[in-house]
Every structure is written in structure tokens, then in C-alpha cells.
């Protein structure tokens, strides 16, 4: 980002993974941060880390399954000054076979992955819409975190993949209406990204298969964070309603499928030209 303006940024799901890296990237640029997570201990540790570089850090511990949480979070964040960027990074991914899905599992995933970011966006827009014209060009901005799973079903992930497809649609729907108020809404859809704490729980074979992409490596949290910062910044001021896929090219196709190359090139004869006979008039 080339602007000297350091926005006040609200990041949910900030205590781990991609959300944590997004918070660090903004802190390194001197932004004021409001960070949200349900894990109080991890959030406290992150706050200590961020205070070394961010101008101000406001931690909020809450459970986004609570229907009152979005309004409470926005109220608390704005009590520390106007918020210019909302990053909806909180999400859950329970691995559960289709036949084992319960109403509780389904509702929990949709509540955190879809309802919470949408209600946060609504509350944010209601607070910031009257200030939009006074902010630097490109702000205010909302960035949701989707997933490559929104485009491709996976075994054991029906609640999650469904939720991420929904995130992409509410991103577009929100952009359509909020653009008239000067508020941009976009999403970043990561490919396969693994943080160090997760590597021990995944088999090498699984990691190799799901990380197969044209650029040939697994994604890192900083790959996603840099994309979020750019998309939320004035450099993307004429972009809204877009889904930015940061996946090493995975959305272009799969590399882990068998390929059989012919040893000889087969020439295909072009079809013979048809002869058209004008109909005779009777």
C-alpha cells in the first residue's frame, strides 16, 4: 500500500491462522487494530505481540455464535474511533461425514461462517455510511474470507463448503447495495493454506494432494494477508463485489489427476465442406 494513511482495522478470528497474520501485517504498517476472537488466552498473547508495532490494539473476546455479538463488537470497536476496514476472518471447519451431520453442527458452521460476517457488515455499514465521504478514497472497506472450497465440494466438508459458497454470494449482494453508500465489499478466497500448528495433524499424502497447484507450493498465511491488505486499500478503490482467488492457480484446474500423453501426434482431418444446393422454385 502506498498511502500514508493508517486505517483503524477490525479483524475477527484474529488469534490464529490467517486472521493472526492479517493483524500482524496491519500492525507492521502502524494501523490501529481492534481484534476479535473467542480464545481469550491466545488473544491476550497476540495483543502483547501487536503492541510492539501497532499504534493502538483493542482486544475483544466474544463468541460470534451469540446473535447479539456482531452489534456488540461494532459498538465496542467504534468506541475507540471510526473503523475504516472490517476483515471477517473468523470461521470454523469441522470435518464430518455427510451422514453424521446434525442440526447443531450445521447451524454452528453457518452461524459463524455466514451469519456473523453478514451481521457484522450490516452493523459496520450502519455506523460508517454517514462518514464515508469524509474518509480517504477507497475507504470504508469490507473484506470477507471465503475459500477455494466454495467452488469444489470435498468429502466430509458439506457444511463448510456450503458456508463458503454463501459467503461469496453475500459478498456480492452486500457490494451491490452498499456501493451506493460508498462502502466497498470484496472477498479473498484462499487455496490450501497450512499454519505450522496444523502440519502435525495432516498426513504427507493429504498435504501433497490438496496443495497441488500450478505454482507448486502450499499457501502461506502471509500470501493471503497481503491480498487482503491490497484489496482493502485505496489501490483497489474501483473494485467491489469481487472474489480474489489466492490459490497458486488451483481454481484453474487440478494437477493431481492422471495424464496420459500420446506418443505420436494425431492429426485430425477437418470435416469436409458441405455442398449447398439452392432449392429449385416450383
Foldseek 3Di string as FASTA:
>chain_A
DPDLDQFEEEFEPCLDFLNVLLLQVSLQSQHHYEYEEQPPVSQVVSLVVSVVRHPHYHYDHDDQLPPCVLLVSLVVSCVVPQGWEYELEDADFFQAAPVPDDPVNLSSRLSNLPVSVLSNLVNSCVVCLVVLVVDPQLTREYEYEAAPLCVPPDGRGVSRNVSRVNVLVSQLVCQVPCVVSVYAGEYEYEFAEDDPVCPVVDDPVVCCQRLAAPQPGGDYSNLRSVVVVCCSDNVVNVDHSYYHYRRNHPVVDGPPDDDDDDPDDDDDDDDDDDDDDDDDDD
